[in-house]
PDB file of N, CA and C in Angstrom:
ATOM      1  N   MET A   1     139.152  90.595   3.656  1.00  0.00           N
ATOM      2  CA  MET A   1     138.124  89.588   4.073  1.00  0.00           C
ATOM      3  C   MET A   1     138.614  88.158   3.948  1.00  0.00           C
ATOM      4  N   LEU A   2     139.530  87.989   2.828  1.00  0.00           N
ATOM      5  CA  LEU A   2     139.928  86.594   2.254  1.00  0.00           C
ATOM      6  C   LEU A   2     140.388  85.916   3.460  1.00  0.00           C
ATOM      7  N   PHE A   3     141.163  86.467   4.453  1.00  0.00           N
ATOM      8  CA  PHE A   3     141.832  85.788   5.534  1.00  0.00           C
ATOM      9  C   PHE A   3     140.807  85.388   6.442  1.00  0.00           C
ATOM     10  N   THR A   4     139.648  86.285   6.699  1.00  0.00           N
ATOM     11  CA  THR A   4     138.649  85.785   7.562  1.00  0.00           C
ATOM     12  C   THR A   4     138.045  84.470   7.154  1.00  0.00           C
ATOM     13  N   ARG A   5     137.714  84.498   5.840  1.00  0.00           N
ATOM     14  CA  ARG A   5     136.902  83.287   5.200  1.00  0.00           C
ATOM     15  C   ARG A   5     137.767  82.207   5.277  1.00  0.00           C
ATOM     16  N   GLN A   6     139.104  82.193   5.073  1.00  0.00           N
ATOM     17  CA  GLN A   6     140.033  81.153   5.121  1.00  0.00           C
ATOM     18  C   GLN A   6     140.170  80.629   6.491  1.00  0.00           C
ATOM     19  N   LEU A   7     140.094  81.510   7.506  1.00  0.00           N
ATOM     20  CA  LEU A   7     140.312  81.231   8.759  1.00  0.00           C
ATOM     21  C   LEU A   7     138.993  80.546   9.349  1.00  0.00           C
ATOM     22  N   ASP A   8     137.834  80.873   8.779  1.00  0.00           N
ATOM     23  CA  ASP A   8     136.442  80.151   9.102  1.00  0.00           C
ATOM     24  C   ASP A   8     136.549  78.824   8.456  1.00  0.00           C
ATOM     25  N   GLU A   9     137.150  78.702   7.464  1.00  0.00           N
ATOM     26  CA  GLU A   9     137.192  77.248   6.706  1.00  0.00           C
ATOM     27  C   GLU A   9     138.020  76.407   7.557  1.00  0.00           C
ATOM     28  N   LEU A  10     139.204  76.916   7.987  1.00  0.00           N
ATOM     29  CA  LEU A  10     140.206  76.295   8.791  1.00  0.00           C
ATOM     30  C   LEU A  10     139.531  75.716  10.308  1.00  0.00           C
ATOM     31  N   ILE A  11     138.714  76.621  10.773  1.00  0.00           N
ATOM     32  CA  ILE A  11     138.022  76.360  11.974  1.00  0.00           C
ATOM     33  C   ILE A  11     136.880  75.096  11.700  1.00  0.00           C
ATOM     34  N   SER A  12     136.391  75.221  10.772  1.00  0.00           N
ATOM     35  CA  SER A  12     135.271  74.291  10.252  1.00  0.00           C
ATOM     36  C   SER A  12     136.033  72.964  10.218  1.00  0.00           C
ATOM     37  N   SER A  13     137.225  72.921   9.489  1.00  0.00           N
ATOM     38  CA  SER A  13     138.029  71.737   9.369  1.00  0.00           C
ATOM     39  C   SER A  13     138.548  71.131  10.824  1.00  0.00           C
ATOM     40  N   VAL A  14     138.677  71.930  11.634  1.00  0.00           N
ATOM     41  CA  VAL A  14     138.843  71.464  13.049  1.00  0.00           C
ATOM     42  C   VAL A  14     137.761  70.868  13.705  1.00  0.00           C
ATOM     43  N   ARG A  15     136.537  71.456  13.385  1.00  0.00           N
ATOM     44  CA  ARG A  15     135.290  70.940  13.854  1.00  0.00           C
ATOM     45  C   ARG A  15     135.130  69.359  13.299  1.00  0.00           C
ATOM     46  N   ARG A  16     135.372  69.250  11.946  1.00  0.00           N
ATOM     47  CA  ARG A  16     135.054  68.146  11.266  1.00  0.00           C
ATOM     48  C   ARG A  16     136.227  66.970  11.760  1.00  0.00           C
ATOM     49  N   GLU A  17     137.228  67.497  12.184  1.00  0.00           N
ATOM     50  CA  GLU A  17     138.178  66.437  12.747  1.00  0.00           C
ATOM     51  C   GLU A  17     137.831  66.146  14.083  1.00  0.00           C
ATOM     52  N   LEU A  18     137.469  66.895  14.937  1.00  0.00           N
ATOM     53  CA  LEU A  18     136.911  66.722  16.273  1.00  0.00           C
ATOM     54  C   LEU A  18     135.764  65.728  16.167  1.00  0.00           C
ATOM     55  N   VAL A  19     135.007  65.955  15.510  1.00  0.00           N
ATOM     56  CA  VAL A  19     133.808  65.053  15.202  1.00  0.00           C
ATOM     57  C   VAL A  19     134.182  63.436  14.807  1.00  0.00           C
ATOM     58  N   THR A  20     135.035  63.491  14.037  1.00  0.00           N
ATOM     59  CA  THR A  20     135.860  62.121  13.632  1.00  0.00           C
ATOM     60  C   THR A  20     136.556  61.542  14.840  1.00  0.00           C
ATOM     61  N   ILE A  21     137.226  62.161  15.565  1.00  0.00           N
ATOM     62  CA  ILE A  21     137.841  61.641  16.764  1.00  0.00           C
ATOM     63  C   ILE A  21     136.790  61.171  17.800  1.00  0.00           C
ATOM     64  N   LYS A  22     135.857  61.993  17.822  1.00  0.00           N
ATOM     65  CA  LYS A  22     134.582  61.578  18.784  1.00  0.00           C
ATOM     66  C   LYS A  22     133.981  60.139  18.488  1.00  0.00           C
ATOM     67  N   ASN A  23     133.802  60.229  17.241  1.00  0.00           N
ATOM     68  CA  ASN A  23     133.189  59.013  16.574  1.00  0.00           C
ATOM     69  C   ASN A  23     134.166  57.740  16.950  1.00  0.00           C
ATOM     70  N   LYS A  24     135.514  58.074  16.633  1.00  0.00           N
ATOM     71  CA  LYS A  24     136.443  56.984  16.927  1.00  0.00           C
ATOM     72  C   LYS A  24     136.475  56.507  18.311  1.00  0.00           C
ATOM     73  N   ALA A  25     136.321  57.479  19.236  1.00  0.00           N
ATOM     74  CA  ALA A  25     136.297  57.237  20.672  1.00  0.00           C
ATOM     75  C   ALA A  25     135.110  56.386  21.054  1.00  0.00           C
ATOM     76  N   ARG A  26     134.000  56.715  20.292  1.00  0.00           N
ATOM     77  CA  ARG A  26     132.706  55.844  20.714  1.00  0.00           C
ATOM     78  C   ARG A  26     132.605  54.731  19.894  1.00  0.00           C
ATOM     79  N   SER A  27     133.584  54.395  19.075  1.00  0.00           N
ATOM     80  CA  SER A  27     133.261  53.124  18.451  1.00  0.00           C
ATOM     81  C   SER A  27     133.165  51.816  19.134  1.00  0.00           C
ATOM     82  N   PRO A  28     132.210  50.960  18.582  1.00  0.00           N
ATOM     83  CA  PRO A  28     132.182  49.864  19.423  1.00  0.00           C
ATOM     84  C   PRO A  28     133.354  48.839  19.322  1.00  0.00           C
ATOM     85  N   ASN A  29     134.071  49.007  18.306  1.00  0.00           N
ATOM     86  CA  ASN A  29     135.389  48.274  18.320  1.00  0.00           C
ATOM     87  C   ASN A  29     136.264  48.696  19.615  1.00  0.00           C
ATOM     88  N   LEU A  30     136.299  49.956  19.804  1.00  0.00           N
ATOM     89  CA  LEU A  30     137.222  50.457  20.850  1.00  0.00           C
ATOM     90  C   LEU A  30     136.769  49.960  22.314  1.00  0.00           C
ATOM     91  N   LEU A  31     135.225  50.047  22.302  1.00  0.00           N
ATOM     92  CA  LEU A  31     134.586  49.634  23.674  1.00  0.00           C
ATOM     93  C   LEU A  31     134.196  48.213  23.640  1.00  0.00           C
ATOM     94  N   ASP A  32     134.551  47.342  22.743  1.00  0.00           N
ATOM     95  CA  ASP A  32     134.223  45.988  22.927  1.00  0.00           C
ATOM     96  C   ASP A  32     135.059  45.498  24.028  1.00  0.00           C
ATOM     97  N   GLU A  33     134.275  44.542  24.850  1.00  0.00           N
ATOM     98  CA  GLU A  33     134.997  44.146  26.056  1.00  0.00           C
ATOM     99  C   GLU A  33     136.164  42.882  25.655  1.00  0.00           C
ATOM    100  N   ASP A  34     135.845  42.429  24.488  1.00  0.00           N
ATOM    101  CA  ASP A  34     136.875  41.364  23.976  1.00  0.00           C
ATOM    102  C   ASP A  34     138.265  41.936  23.437  1.00  0.00           C
ATOM    103  N   ASN A  35     138.269  43.391  23.504  1.00  0.00           N
ATOM    104  CA  ASN A  35     139.530  43.969  23.058  1.00  0.00           C
ATOM    105  C   ASN A  35     140.640  43.714  23.953  1.00  0.00           C
ATOM    106  N   ILE A  36     141.770  43.462  23.041  1.00  0.00           N
ATOM    107  CA  ILE A  36     143.024  43.441  24.167  1.00  0.00           C
ATOM    108  C   ILE A  36     143.391  44.863  24.552  1.00  0.00           C
ATOM    109  N   PRO A  37     143.572  44.707  25.917  1.00  0.00           N
ATOM    110  CA  PRO A  37     143.757  46.196  26.644  1.00  0.00           C
ATOM    111  C   PRO A  37     144.921  46.863  26.044  1.00  0.00           C
ATOM    112  N   GLN A  38     146.029  46.255  25.494  1.00  0.00           N
ATOM    113  CA  GLN A  38     147.172  47.114  25.122  1.00  0.00           C
ATOM    114  C   GLN A  38     146.768  47.684  23.794  1.00  0.00           C
ATOM    115  N   VAL A  39     145.904  47.059  22.991  1.00  0.00           N
ATOM    116  CA  VAL A  39     145.436  47.541  21.767  1.00  0.00           C
ATOM    117  C   VAL A  39     144.510  48.771  21.883  1.00  0.00           C
ATOM    118  N   ALA A  40     143.631  48.544  22.882  1.00  0.00           N
ATOM    119  CA  ALA A  40     142.512  49.731  23.222  1.00  0.00           C
ATOM    120  C   ALA A  40     143.380  50.846  23.919  1.00  0.00           C
ATOM    121  N   SER A  41     144.411  50.645  24.687  1.00  0.00           N
ATOM    122  CA  SER A  41     145.143  51.582  25.263  1.00  0.00           C
ATOM    123  C   SER A  41     146.065  52.269  24.086  1.00  0.00           C
ATOM    124  N   GLU A  42     146.494  51.733  23.258  1.00  0.00           N
ATOM    125  CA  GLU A  42     147.170  52.411  22.078  1.00  0.00           C
ATOM    126  C   GLU A  42     146.202  53.235  21.298  1.00  0.00           C
ATOM    127  N   LYS A  43     145.082  52.742  21.121  1.00  0.00           N
ATOM    128  CA  LYS A  43     144.164  53.564  20.213  1.00  0.00           C
ATOM    129  C   LYS A  43     143.779  54.852  21.119  1.00  0.00           C
ATOM    130  N   ILE A  44     143.531  54.689  22.342  1.00  0.00           N
ATOM    131  CA  ILE A  44     143.243  55.811  23.243  1.00  0.00           C
ATOM    132  C   ILE A  44     144.327  56.773  23.194  1.00  0.00           C
ATOM    133  N   LYS A  45     145.658  56.331  23.336  1.00  0.00           N
ATOM    134  CA  LYS A  45     146.685  57.243  23.343  1.00  0.00           C
ATOM    135  C   LYS A  45     146.837  57.987  22.052  1.00  0.00           C
ATOM    136  N   TYR A  46     146.497  57.338  20.771  1.00  0.00           N
ATOM    137  CA  TYR A  46     146.498  58.061  19.613  1.00  0.00           C
ATOM    138  C   TYR A  46     145.555  59.033  19.483  1.00  0.00           C
ATOM    139  N   LEU A  47     144.240  58.762  20.034  1.00  0.00           N
ATOM    140  CA  LEU A  47     143.086  59.720  19.846  1.00  0.00           C
ATOM    141  C   LEU A  47     143.416  60.960  20.858  1.00  0.00           C
ATOM    142  N   ALA A  48     144.130  60.690  21.831  1.00  0.00           N
ATOM    143  CA  ALA A  48     144.582  61.790  22.843  1.00  0.00           C
ATOM    144  C   ALA A  48     145.596  62.743  22.261  1.00  0.00           C
ATOM    145  N   GLU A  49     146.482  62.050  21.570  1.00  0.00           N
ATOM    146  CA  GLU A  49     147.350  62.722  20.827  1.00  0.00           C
ATOM    147  C   GLU A  49     146.754  63.709  19.582  1.00  0.00           C
ATOM    148  N   GLU A  50     145.728  63.143  18.903  1.00  0.00           N
ATOM    149  CA  GLU A  50     145.135  63.949  18.009  1.00  0.00           C
ATOM    150  C   GLU A  50     144.379  64.954  18.730  1.00  0.00           C
ATOM    151  N   LEU A  51     143.728  64.819  19.786  1.00  0.00           N
ATOM    152  CA  LEU A  51     142.915  65.826  20.342  1.00  0.00           C
ATOM    153  C   LEU A  51     144.030  66.957  20.810  1.00  0.00           C
ATOM    154  N   GLU A  52     145.195  66.634  21.214  1.00  0.00           N
ATOM    155  CA  GLU A  52     146.223  67.633  21.536  1.00  0.00           C
ATOM    156  C   GLU A  52     146.546  68.408  20.465  1.00  0.00           C
ATOM    157  N   ARG A  53     146.772  67.839  19.269  1.00  0.00           N
ATOM    158  CA  ARG A  53     147.047  68.516  18.039  1.00  0.00           C
ATOM    159  C   ARG A  53     146.026  69.322  17.564  1.00  0.00           C
ATOM    160  N   LEU A  54     145.007  68.939  17.688  1.00  0.00           N
ATOM    161  CA  LEU A  54     143.617  69.776  17.483  1.00  0.00           C
ATOM    162  C   LEU A  54     143.682  71.162  18.530  1.00  0.00           C
ATOM    163  N   SER A  55     143.866  70.723  19.609  1.00  0.00           N
ATOM    164  CA  SER A  55     143.845  71.960  20.714  1.00  0.00           C
ATOM    165  C   SER A  55     144.853  73.011  20.347  1.00  0.00           C
ATOM    166  N   ARG A  56     146.072  72.672  19.976  1.00  0.00           N
ATOM    167  CA  ARG A  56     146.889  73.597  19.470  1.00  0.00           C
ATOM    168  C   ARG A  56     146.605  74.265  18.308  1.00  0.00           C
ATOM    169  N   LYS A  57     145.848  73.679  17.271  1.00  0.00           N
ATOM    170  CA  LYS A  57     145.461  74.440  16.246  1.00  0.00           C
ATOM    171  C   LYS A  57     144.544  75.397  16.683  1.00  0.00           C
ATOM    172  N   THR A  58     143.457  74.957  17.533  1.00  0.00           N
ATOM    173  CA  THR A  58     142.358  75.888  18.018  1.00  0.00           C
ATOM    174  C   THR A  58     142.981  77.169  18.734  1.00  0.00           C
ATOM    175  N   ARG A  59     144.014  76.662  19.551  1.00  0.00           N
ATOM    176  CA  ARG A  59     144.638  77.990  20.141  1.00  0.00           C
ATOM    177  C   ARG A  59     145.269  78.896  19.224  1.00  0.00           C
ATOM    178  N   ASN A  60     145.818  78.353  18.144  1.00  0.00           N
ATOM    179  CA  ASN A  60     146.340  79.381  17.200  1.00  0.00           C
ATOM    180  C   ASN A  60     145.458  79.949  16.499  1.00  0.00           C
ATOM    181  N   TYR A  61     144.475  79.448  15.998  1.00  0.00           N
ATOM    182  CA  TYR A  61     143.404  80.010  15.166  1.00  0.00           C
ATOM    183  C   TYR A  61     142.575  81.157  16.215  1.00  0.00           C
ATOM    184  N   ALA A  62     142.403  80.821  17.310  1.00  0.00           N
ATOM    185  CA  ALA A  62     141.772  81.725  18.292  1.00  0.00           C
ATOM    186  C   ALA A  62     142.783  83.046  18.427  1.00  0.00           C
ATOM    187  N   THR A  63     143.877  82.688  18.472  1.00  0.00           N
ATOM    188  CA  THR A  63     145.003  83.812  18.551  1.00  0.00           C
ATOM    189  C   THR A  63     144.826  84.791  17.259  1.00  0.00           C
ATOM    190  N   TYR A  64     144.697  84.089  16.090  1.00  0.00           N
ATOM    191  CA  TYR A  64     144.721  84.637  14.702  1.00  0.00           C
ATOM    192  C   TYR A  64     143.453  85.605  14.650  1.00  0.00           C
ATOM    193  N   GLN A  65     142.307  84.941  15.116  1.00  0.00           N
ATOM    194  CA  GLN A  65     140.968  85.793  15.203  1.00  0.00           C
ATOM    195  C   GLN A  65     141.066  86.986  16.055  1.00  0.00           C
ATOM    196  N   GLU A  66     141.560  86.846  17.060  1.00  0.00           N
ATOM    197  CA  GLU A  66     141.853  87.929  17.971  1.00  0.00           C
ATOM    198  C   GLU A  66     142.687  89.020  17.549  1.00  0.00           C
ATOM    199  N   ARG A  67     143.819  88.619  17.058  1.00  0.00           N
ATOM    200  CA  ARG A  67     144.744  89.700  16.273  1.00  0.00           C
ATOM    201  C   ARG A  67     144.136  90.204  15.213  1.00  0.00           C
ATOM    202  N   PHE A  68     143.528  89.400  14.141  1.00  0.00           N
ATOM    203  CA  PHE A  68     142.801  90.014  13.142  1.00  0.00           C
ATOM    204  C   PHE A  68     141.666  90.755  13.491  1.00  0.00           C
ATOM    205  N   GLY A  69     140.920  90.292  14.454  1.00  0.00           N
ATOM    206  CA  GLY A  69     139.814  91.065  14.849  1.00  0.00           C
ATOM    207  C   GLY A  69     140.201  92.471  15.479  1.00  0.00           C
ATOM    208  N   SER A  70     141.121  92.401  16.049  1.00  0.00           N
ATOM    209  CA  SER A  70     141.589  93.614  16.764  1.00  0.00           C
ATOM    210  C   SER A  70     142.153  94.716  15.722  1.00  0.00           C
ATOM    211  N   SER A  71     142.975  94.183  14.753  1.00  0.00           N
ATOM    212  CA  SER A  71     143.559  95.001  13.822  1.00  0.00           C
ATOM    213  C   SER A  71     142.467  95.572  12.854  1.00  0.00           C
ATOM    214  N   MET A  72     141.450  94.617  12.703  1.00  0.00           N
ATOM    215  CA  MET A  72     140.340  95.172  11.647  1.00  0.00           C
ATOM    216  C   MET A  72     139.506  96.414  12.502  1.00  0.00           C
ATOM    217  N   SER A  73     139.008  96.097  13.618  1.00  0.00           N
ATOM    218  CA  SER A  73     138.268  96.957  14.400  1.00  0.00           C
ATOM    219  C   SER A  73     139.271  98.262  14.636  1.00  0.00           C
ATOM    220  N   ASN A  74     140.565  98.286  14.750  1.00  0.00           N
ATOM    221  CA  ASN A  74     141.261  99.451  14.656  1.00  0.00           C
ATOM    222  C   ASN A  74     141.302 100.111  13.230  1.00  0.00           C
ATOM    223  N   ALA A  75     141.285  99.430  12.219  1.00  0.00           N
ATOM    224  CA  ALA A  75     141.208  99.903  10.819  1.00  0.00           C
ATOM    225  C   ALA A  75     139.921 100.651  10.586  1.00  0.00           C
ATOM    226  N   VAL A  76     138.721  99.958  11.124  1.00  0.00           N
ATOM    227  CA  VAL A  76     137.534 100.598  10.936  1.00  0.00           C
ATOM    228  C   VAL A  76     137.593 101.934  11.741  1.00  0.00           C
ATOM    229  N   GLN A  77     137.976 101.901  13.024  1.00  0.00           N
ATOM    230  CA  GLN A  77     137.840 102.942  13.926  1.00  0.00           C
ATOM    231  C   GLN A  77     138.608 104.260  13.218  1.00  0.00           C
ATOM    232  N   ARG A  78     139.759 103.957  12.676  1.00  0.00           N
ATOM    233  CA  ARG A  78     140.728 104.899  11.892  1.00  0.00           C
ATOM    234  C   ARG A  78     139.742 105.537  10.700  1.00  0.00           C
ATOM    235  N   LYS A  79     139.349 104.539   9.986  1.00  0.00           N
ATOM    236  CA  LYS A  79     138.459 105.110   8.793  1.00  0.00           C
ATOM    237  C   LYS A  79     137.262 105.865   9.260  1.00  0.00           C
ATOM    238  N   THR A  80     136.569 105.432  10.280  1.00  0.00           N
ATOM    239  CA  THR A  80     135.516 106.269  10.803  1.00  0.00           C
ATOM    240  C   THR A  80     135.891 107.795  11.289  1.00  0.00           C
ATOM    241  N   ILE A  81     137.084 107.853  11.932  1.00  0.00           N
ATOM    242  CA  ILE A  81     137.539 109.056  12.480  1.00  0.00           C
ATOM    243  C   ILE A  81     138.071 109.866  11.319  1.00  0.00           C
ATOM    244  N   ILE A  82     138.610 109.378  10.228  1.00  0.00           N
ATOM    245  CA  ILE A  82     139.055 110.164   9.191  1.00  0.00           C
ATOM    246  C   ILE A  82     138.016 110.677   8.439  1.00  0.00           C
ATOM    247  N   GLN A  83     136.817 109.950   8.346  1.00  0.00           N
ATOM    248  CA  GLN A  83     135.765 110.431   7.601  1.00  0.00           C
ATOM    249  C   GLN A  83     135.101 111.392   8.199  1.00  0.00           C
TER     250      GLN A  83
END
């Protein structure tokens, strides 16, 4: 179950990172009409790259959960059959 706990911690970490990105996207500095368009564009590009990185992590973690969950349920089924 150590793997499950570690995976849950990783997923929580992704959620925290996502909230941080969301807050940066809503930042008054980014939305300020006095911003130089190029600067705002670069910030948005950076945030999009960060979202893509988080998206890859999320897909990987979902795959881990699916595989681990399947192997756990198979192990539980085998244990039940043996008993």
